[in-house]
Amino acid sequence: MKEAMLQVQLLVPSINADATFTANMKRDEELELELKSEIKVMSATSEQKIAMKYGNVTFKGPFFQTMT
């Protein structure tokens, strides 16, 4: 397997909530993993994203987050 994706969504209409979680994995010479989440509750939105690469001896992992 070279690439894989998993996505889960949760909807709660009674409180107007929507949450989506996504995981992507890619394997070549390096292993890449990206995790994303987006959560909406009423008028508030929160997004997080982290991407990691692992290859040979290096590990990189920037993190991104926004909230409105």
Protein backbone atom coordinates (compact mmCIF):
# COMPACT_ATOMS: atom_id res chain seq x y z
CA MET A 1 0.00 0.00 0.00
CA LYS A 2 1.44 3.35 -1.07
CA GLU A 3 -1.39 5.74 -0.08
CA ALA A 4 -4.27 5.62 2.38
CA MET A 5 -6.98 8.01 3.54
CA LEU A 6 -9.47 7.86 6.40
CA GLN A 7 -12.20 10.46 6.88
CA VAL A 8 -14.83 10.57 9.62
CA GLN A 9 -17.66 13.09 9.90
CA LEU A 10 -19.96 13.66 12.87
CA LEU A 11 -23.13 15.74 12.57
CA VAL A 12 -25.22 16.80 15.58
CA PRO A 13 -28.17 18.85 14.26
CA SER A 14 -29.64 19.62 17.70
CA ILE A 15 -26.67 21.85 18.58
CA ASN A 16 -25.73 22.74 14.99
CA ALA A 17 -22.38 20.93 15.23
CA ASP A 18 -20.28 19.42 12.45
CA ALA A 19 -16.90 17.76 12.96
CA THR A 20 -14.65 16.28 10.26
CA PHE A 21 -11.41 14.39 10.88
CA THR A 22 -9.12 13.34 8.02
CA ALA A 23 -5.91 11.28 8.02
CA ASN A 24 -3.74 10.86 4.91
CA MET A 25 -0.71 8.59 4.74
CA LYS A 26 1.76 8.26 1.86
CA ARG A 27 4.74 5.92 1.77
CA ASP A 28 7.59 6.22 -0.73
CA GLU A 29 11.18 6.66 0.36
CA GLU A 30 9.76 8.83 3.13
CA LEU A 31 6.68 8.26 5.24
CA GLU A 32 4.26 11.22 5.17
CA LEU A 33 1.32 11.58 7.55
CA GLU A 34 -1.16 14.46 7.53
CA LEU A 35 -3.92 14.87 10.11
CA LYS A 36 -6.65 17.49 9.73
CA SER A 37 -9.68 18.35 11.82
CA GLU A 38 -12.40 20.91 11.33
CA ILE A 39 -14.96 21.45 14.06
CA LYS A 40 -17.94 23.78 13.72
CA VAL A 41 -20.27 24.47 16.64
CA MET A 42 -22.95 27.08 16.06
CA SER A 43 -20.99 30.07 14.68
CA ALA A 44 -17.52 29.02 15.94
CA THR A 45 -15.05 27.14 13.74
CA SER A 46 -11.79 25.49 14.76
CA GLU A 47 -9.31 23.97 12.29
CA GLN A 48 -6.11 22.08 13.05
CA LYS A 49 -3.60 20.53 10.68
CA ILE A 50 -0.35 18.73 11.31
CA ALA A 51 1.90 17.22 8.65
CA MET A 52 4.79 14.90 9.50
CA LYS A 53 7.53 13.43 7.36
CA TYR A 54 9.85 10.65 8.41
CA GLY A 55 12.73 9.53 6.24
CA ASN A 56 16.24 8.31 6.92
CA VAL A 57 17.05 10.20 10.10
CA THR A 58 14.90 13.34 9.79
CA PHE A 59 11.52 14.14 11.28
CA LYS A 60 9.60 17.29 10.34
CA GLY A 61 6.26 18.34 11.74
CA PRO A 62 4.73 21.80 11.22
CA PHE A 63 1.44 22.54 13.02
CA PHE A 64 -1.33 24.89 11.87
CA GLN A 65 -4.40 26.04 13.80
CA THR A 66 -7.12 28.65 13.23
CA MET A 67 -10.18 29.56 15.20
CA THR A 68 -12.98 31.90 14.17
